[in-house]
N, C-alpha and C. Protein backbone atom coordinates (compact mmCIF):
# COMPACT_ATOMS: atom_id res chain seq x y z
N UNK A 1 185.79 90.70 -37.37
CA UNK A 1 184.77 91.63 -37.27
C UNK A 1 184.27 91.63 -38.85
N UNK A 2 182.97 91.49 -38.99
CA UNK A 2 182.49 91.34 -40.46
C UNK A 2 182.35 92.59 -41.20
N UNK A 3 182.28 93.81 -40.56
CA UNK A 3 182.20 95.06 -41.36
C UNK A 3 183.53 95.65 -41.61
N UNK A 4 184.63 95.16 -41.10
CA UNK A 4 186.13 95.84 -41.10
C UNK A 4 186.68 95.45 -42.47
N UNK A 5 187.16 96.62 -43.07
CA UNK A 5 187.69 96.45 -44.51
C UNK A 5 188.92 95.59 -44.36
N UNK A 6 189.85 95.72 -43.46
CA UNK A 6 191.15 94.99 -43.26
C UNK A 6 190.80 93.46 -43.00
N UNK A 7 189.70 93.19 -42.13
CA UNK A 7 189.30 91.83 -42.02
C UNK A 7 188.90 91.22 -43.35
N UNK A 8 188.24 91.94 -44.33
CA UNK A 8 187.74 91.56 -45.42
C UNK A 8 188.91 91.19 -46.45
N UNK A 9 190.03 92.07 -46.23
CA UNK A 9 191.18 91.86 -47.23
C UNK A 9 191.82 90.57 -46.64
N UNK A 10 191.86 90.44 -45.21
CA UNK A 10 192.53 89.17 -44.76
C UNK A 10 191.86 87.93 -45.08
N UNK A 11 190.51 88.06 -45.25
CA UNK A 11 189.73 86.80 -45.58
C UNK A 11 189.67 86.64 -47.07
N UNK A 12 190.15 87.55 -47.85
CA UNK A 12 190.21 87.48 -49.46
C UNK A 12 188.90 87.81 -50.04
N UNK A 13 188.09 88.64 -49.35
CA UNK A 13 186.71 89.16 -49.83
C UNK A 13 187.12 90.36 -50.60
N UNK A 14 188.14 91.16 -50.24
CA UNK A 14 188.64 92.22 -51.18
C UNK A 14 189.92 91.99 -51.48
N UNK A 15 190.28 92.18 -52.90
CA UNK A 15 191.65 92.08 -53.38
C UNK A 15 192.54 93.16 -52.70
N UNK A 16 193.81 92.65 -52.63
CA UNK A 16 194.86 93.81 -52.41
C UNK A 16 196.10 93.16 -52.94
N UNK A 17 197.18 94.11 -52.92
CA UNK A 17 198.55 93.88 -53.68
C UNK A 17 199.30 93.44 -52.26
N UNK A 18 199.34 92.09 -52.12
CA UNK A 18 200.24 91.71 -50.78
C UNK A 18 201.57 91.73 -51.07
N UNK A 19 202.45 92.34 -50.03
CA UNK A 19 203.77 92.26 -50.19
C UNK A 19 204.62 91.27 -49.17
N UNK A 20 203.66 90.94 -48.19
CA UNK A 20 204.27 89.99 -47.06
C UNK A 20 203.14 89.31 -46.51
N UNK A 21 203.23 88.02 -46.19
CA UNK A 21 202.32 87.45 -45.19
C UNK A 21 202.73 86.31 -44.51
N UNK A 22 202.44 86.12 -43.28
CA UNK A 22 202.80 84.91 -42.47
C UNK A 22 201.57 84.47 -41.63
N UNK A 23 201.60 83.71 -40.66
CA UNK A 23 200.49 83.18 -40.12
C UNK A 23 199.66 84.31 -39.33
N UNK A 24 200.44 85.17 -38.79
CA UNK A 24 199.93 86.26 -37.96
C UNK A 24 199.69 87.72 -38.60
N UNK A 25 200.30 87.98 -39.74
CA UNK A 25 200.52 89.25 -40.14
C UNK A 25 200.25 89.21 -41.85
N UNK A 26 199.61 90.25 -42.28
CA UNK A 26 199.69 90.52 -43.65
C UNK A 26 199.95 92.06 -43.85
N UNK A 27 200.64 92.15 -44.87
CA UNK A 27 201.08 93.62 -45.55
C UNK A 27 200.76 93.63 -46.89
N UNK A 28 200.31 94.81 -47.30
CA UNK A 28 199.90 94.99 -48.47
C UNK A 28 199.96 96.53 -49.05
N UNK A 29 199.90 96.88 -50.13
CA UNK A 29 200.17 98.12 -50.79
C UNK A 29 198.89 99.02 -50.28
N UNK A 30 199.06 100.25 -49.87
CA UNK A 30 198.05 101.32 -49.57
C UNK A 30 197.43 101.72 -50.85
N UNK A 31 196.18 101.84 -50.85
CA UNK A 31 195.52 102.16 -52.11
C UNK A 31 195.71 103.71 -52.43
N UNK A 32 195.90 104.38 -51.44
CA UNK A 32 196.18 105.82 -51.51
C UNK A 32 197.56 106.09 -51.05
N UNK A 33 198.58 105.94 -51.73
CA UNK A 33 200.10 106.09 -51.19
C UNK A 33 200.46 107.55 -50.83
N UNK A 34 201.11 107.64 -49.80
CA UNK A 34 201.57 109.01 -49.51
C UNK A 34 203.02 109.24 -49.80
N UNK A 35 203.68 107.91 -50.33
CA UNK A 35 204.99 108.00 -50.65
C UNK A 35 205.24 106.88 -51.72
N UNK A 36 206.41 106.92 -52.41
CA UNK A 36 206.64 105.85 -53.39
C UNK A 36 206.42 104.62 -52.88
N UNK A 37 206.78 104.33 -51.66
CA UNK A 37 206.48 103.04 -51.08
C UNK A 37 205.46 103.35 -49.85
N UNK A 38 204.49 102.79 -49.90
CA UNK A 38 203.50 102.74 -48.68
C UNK A 38 202.62 101.68 -48.51
N UNK A 39 203.16 100.92 -47.59
CA UNK A 39 202.72 99.43 -47.21
C UNK A 39 201.99 99.56 -45.98
N UNK A 40 200.86 98.99 -45.78
CA UNK A 40 200.10 98.72 -44.45
C UNK A 40 200.46 97.39 -43.87
N UNK A 41 200.82 97.24 -42.72
CA UNK A 41 201.22 96.06 -42.20
C UNK A 41 199.99 95.81 -40.93
N UNK A 42 199.46 94.74 -40.98
CA UNK A 42 198.14 94.59 -40.20
C UNK A 42 198.30 93.08 -39.48
N UNK A 43 197.74 93.15 -38.19
CA UNK A 43 197.65 91.79 -37.72
C UNK A 43 196.54 91.00 -38.22
N UNK A 44 196.49 89.69 -38.47
CA UNK A 44 195.37 89.14 -39.04
C UNK A 44 194.21 89.06 -37.72
N UNK A 45 194.58 88.97 -36.55
CA UNK A 45 193.54 89.00 -35.66
C UNK A 45 193.16 90.41 -35.51
N UNK A 46 191.76 90.68 -35.38
CA UNK A 46 191.39 91.93 -35.16
C UNK A 46 191.56 92.51 -33.90
N UNK A 47 192.29 93.67 -33.87
CA UNK A 47 192.52 94.43 -32.65
C UNK A 47 192.20 96.04 -33.25
N UNK A 48 191.37 96.63 -32.51
CA UNK A 48 190.72 97.99 -32.89
C UNK A 48 192.01 98.87 -33.10
N UNK A 49 192.91 99.09 -31.98
CA UNK A 49 193.89 100.04 -32.12
C UNK A 49 194.90 99.85 -31.13
N UNK A 50 195.96 100.54 -30.87
CA UNK A 50 196.90 100.39 -29.87
C UNK A 50 196.31 100.44 -28.41
N UNK A 51 195.15 101.13 -28.32
CA UNK A 51 194.38 101.20 -27.02
C UNK A 51 193.76 99.89 -26.57
N UNK A 52 193.61 98.94 -27.81
CA UNK A 52 192.99 97.64 -27.45
C UNK A 52 194.09 96.56 -27.17
N UNK A 53 195.19 96.91 -27.04
CA UNK A 53 196.27 95.82 -26.71
C UNK A 53 196.27 95.56 -25.16
N UNK A 54 196.31 94.32 -24.86
CA UNK A 54 196.44 93.87 -23.46
C UNK A 54 197.30 92.78 -23.31
N UNK A 55 197.43 92.20 -22.01
CA UNK A 55 198.31 91.21 -21.98
C UNK A 55 198.11 89.89 -22.85
N UNK A 56 197.07 89.56 -23.29
CA UNK A 56 196.62 88.49 -24.10
C UNK A 56 197.06 88.63 -25.55
N UNK A 57 197.26 89.85 -25.95
CA UNK A 57 197.63 90.07 -27.50
C UNK A 57 198.69 90.89 -27.71
N UNK A 58 199.30 91.50 -26.72
CA UNK A 58 200.59 92.46 -26.92
C UNK A 58 201.73 91.78 -27.66
N UNK A 59 201.80 90.44 -27.52
CA UNK A 59 203.08 89.93 -28.29
C UNK A 59 202.99 90.06 -29.89
N UNK A 60 201.82 90.44 -30.34
CA UNK A 60 201.66 90.67 -31.76
C UNK A 60 202.33 91.97 -32.22
N UNK A 61 202.64 92.88 -31.28
CA UNK A 61 203.42 94.10 -31.70
C UNK A 61 204.90 93.71 -32.03
N UNK A 62 205.25 92.62 -31.42
CA UNK A 62 206.89 92.19 -31.66
C UNK A 62 206.78 91.61 -33.12
N UNK A 63 205.77 90.76 -33.32
CA UNK A 63 205.64 90.40 -34.73
C UNK A 63 205.41 91.20 -35.80
N UNK A 64 204.71 92.15 -35.57
CA UNK A 64 204.42 93.18 -36.41
C UNK A 64 205.75 93.87 -36.87
N UNK A 65 206.58 94.23 -35.87
CA UNK A 65 207.75 95.06 -36.11
C UNK A 65 208.87 93.94 -36.94
N UNK A 66 208.86 92.80 -36.53
CA UNK A 66 209.60 92.00 -37.40
C UNK A 66 208.92 91.81 -38.70
N UNK A 67 207.86 91.88 -38.95
CA UNK A 67 207.32 91.95 -40.51
C UNK A 67 207.70 93.20 -41.15
N UNK A 68 207.68 94.32 -40.42
CA UNK A 68 207.96 95.54 -41.02
C UNK A 68 209.39 95.41 -41.51
N UNK A 69 210.33 94.84 -40.90
CA UNK A 69 211.76 94.71 -41.19
C UNK A 69 211.77 93.93 -42.52
N UNK A 70 211.10 92.92 -42.63
CA UNK A 70 211.01 92.20 -43.75
C UNK A 70 210.35 92.92 -45.13
N UNK A 71 209.18 93.69 -44.79
CA UNK A 71 208.51 94.44 -45.82
C UNK A 71 209.82 95.47 -46.38
N UNK A 72 210.18 96.14 -45.48
CA UNK A 72 211.37 97.04 -45.81
C UNK A 72 212.55 96.46 -46.70
N UNK A 73 212.95 95.32 -46.23
CA UNK A 73 213.81 94.54 -47.12
C UNK A 73 213.28 94.35 -48.43
N UNK A 74 212.24 93.66 -48.48
CA UNK A 74 211.40 93.25 -49.67
C UNK A 74 211.29 94.32 -50.66
N UNK A 75 210.88 95.67 -50.30
CA UNK A 75 210.62 96.86 -50.97
C UNK A 75 211.85 97.54 -51.25
N UNK A 76 213.02 97.11 -50.75
CA UNK A 76 214.32 97.89 -51.07
C UNK A 76 214.55 99.10 -50.27
N UNK A 77 213.91 99.23 -49.28
CA UNK A 77 213.95 100.67 -48.51
C UNK A 77 214.68 100.54 -46.97
N UNK A 78 215.25 99.28 -46.86
CA UNK A 78 215.80 99.00 -45.54
C UNK A 78 217.14 99.64 -45.50
N UNK A 79 217.97 99.84 -46.32
CA UNK A 79 219.30 100.60 -46.33
C UNK A 79 219.39 102.11 -46.33
N UNK A 80 218.29 102.79 -47.13
CA UNK A 80 218.26 104.20 -47.05
C UNK A 80 217.39 104.55 -45.97
N UNK A 81 216.53 103.72 -45.35
CA UNK A 81 215.67 104.26 -44.39
C UNK A 81 214.08 104.40 -44.74
N UNK A 82 213.34 104.40 -43.78
CA UNK A 82 211.93 104.45 -43.94
C UNK A 82 211.23 105.08 -42.62
N UNK A 83 210.01 105.19 -42.82
CA UNK A 83 209.08 105.85 -41.87
C UNK A 83 207.96 104.91 -41.33
N UNK A 84 207.95 104.60 -40.16
CA UNK A 84 206.75 103.89 -39.43
C UNK A 84 205.80 104.66 -38.86
N UNK A 85 204.36 104.63 -39.23
CA UNK A 85 203.40 105.27 -38.59
C UNK A 85 202.34 104.53 -38.08
N UNK A 86 201.76 104.64 -36.72
CA UNK A 86 200.61 104.09 -36.27
C UNK A 86 199.84 105.30 -35.68
N UNK A 87 198.66 105.33 -36.29
CA UNK A 87 197.52 106.22 -35.93
C UNK A 87 196.59 105.62 -34.95
N UNK A 88 196.20 106.39 -33.94
CA UNK A 88 195.35 105.62 -32.84
C UNK A 88 194.26 106.61 -32.56
N UNK A 89 193.18 106.19 -32.79
CA UNK A 89 191.92 106.79 -32.42
C UNK A 89 191.62 107.93 -33.66
N UNK A 90 190.33 108.54 -33.55
CA UNK A 90 189.93 109.48 -34.48
C UNK A 90 190.91 110.83 -34.30
N UNK A 91 191.15 111.22 -33.31
CA UNK A 91 192.12 112.33 -33.24
C UNK A 91 193.49 112.20 -33.70
N UNK A 92 193.93 110.83 -33.57
CA UNK A 92 195.26 110.58 -33.96
C UNK A 92 195.25 110.20 -35.59
N UNK A 93 194.12 110.33 -36.06
CA UNK A 93 194.08 110.10 -37.53
C UNK A 93 193.80 108.76 -38.09
N UNK A 94 193.45 107.83 -36.99
CA UNK A 94 192.96 106.25 -37.52
C UNK A 94 191.84 106.35 -38.20
N UNK A 95 191.64 105.99 -39.55
CA UNK A 95 190.38 105.89 -40.17
C UNK A 95 189.85 104.48 -40.45
N UNK A 96 190.62 103.53 -40.09
CA UNK A 96 190.13 102.13 -40.13
C UNK A 96 190.44 101.55 -38.70
N UNK A 97 189.26 101.11 -37.95
CA UNK A 97 189.42 100.67 -36.69
C UNK A 97 189.81 99.22 -36.66
N UNK A 98 191.07 99.02 -37.25
CA UNK A 98 191.96 97.73 -36.95
C UNK A 98 193.43 98.09 -37.03
N UNK A 99 193.96 97.78 -35.94
CA UNK A 99 195.49 98.22 -35.79
C UNK A 99 196.35 97.94 -37.01
N UNK A 100 196.94 99.10 -37.41
CA UNK A 100 197.84 98.91 -38.57
C UNK A 100 199.04 99.81 -38.61
N UNK A 101 200.04 99.57 -39.27
CA UNK A 101 201.30 100.26 -39.23
C UNK A 101 201.57 100.79 -40.87
N UNK A 102 201.77 101.96 -40.85
CA UNK A 102 202.06 102.58 -42.33
C UNK A 102 203.60 102.36 -42.26
N UNK A 103 204.07 101.89 -43.47
CA UNK A 103 205.68 101.78 -43.66
C UNK A 103 205.71 102.65 -44.98
N UNK A 104 206.46 103.62 -44.72
CA UNK A 104 206.53 104.59 -46.15
C UNK A 104 208.20 104.90 -46.22
N UNK A 105 208.26 104.72 -47.64
CA UNK A 105 209.75 104.77 -47.92
C UNK A 105 209.97 105.30 -49.41
N UNK A 106 211.24 105.34 -50.05
CA UNK A 106 211.50 105.71 -51.22
C UNK A 106 211.45 107.05 -51.57
N UNK A 107 211.51 107.84 -50.50
CA UNK A 107 211.59 109.39 -50.53
C UNK A 107 212.49 109.80 -49.20
N UNK A 108 212.83 110.98 -49.20
CA UNK A 108 213.42 111.66 -48.04
C UNK A 108 212.53 112.33 -47.27
N UNK A 109 212.19 112.01 -45.98
CA UNK A 109 211.39 112.59 -45.00
C UNK A 109 212.02 113.53 -44.25
N UNK A 110 212.31 114.79 -44.67
CA UNK A 110 212.81 115.73 -43.75
C UNK A 110 212.01 116.45 -42.67
N UNK A 111 210.64 116.56 -42.80
CA UNK A 111 209.84 117.22 -41.86
C UNK A 111 209.81 116.44 -40.51
N UNK A 112 210.15 117.23 -39.62
CA UNK A 112 210.35 116.67 -38.28
C UNK A 112 208.74 116.85 -37.60
N UNK A 113 208.10 115.81 -37.21
CA UNK A 113 207.05 115.80 -36.73
C UNK A 113 207.10 116.27 -35.10
N UNK A 114 207.99 115.74 -34.27
CA UNK A 114 208.18 116.07 -32.91
C UNK A 114 209.66 116.75 -32.71
């Protein structure tokens, strides 16, 4: 998608601080971190949100989760723990219409959301 900021990062049109990449996934530092470690994990194929998953693209979720494990290990937060967040749609707080997971760590998250 030509106007998607994450697609532009994937294509190299916008610089990012990459922390992980494979043929399907890219992970990079969030430019407005909400924690000492805040990485976005994004599929390279444009998918608008969780609501856009279907039988043809759902396997990407497993690949994203495996990438999240690698990101956590690479950032040194895998042993103490981390938080993974996916926002879906406007009311869910999704500000970029490209499926992405927030990996937050390096702090103690005591606040219970649910």
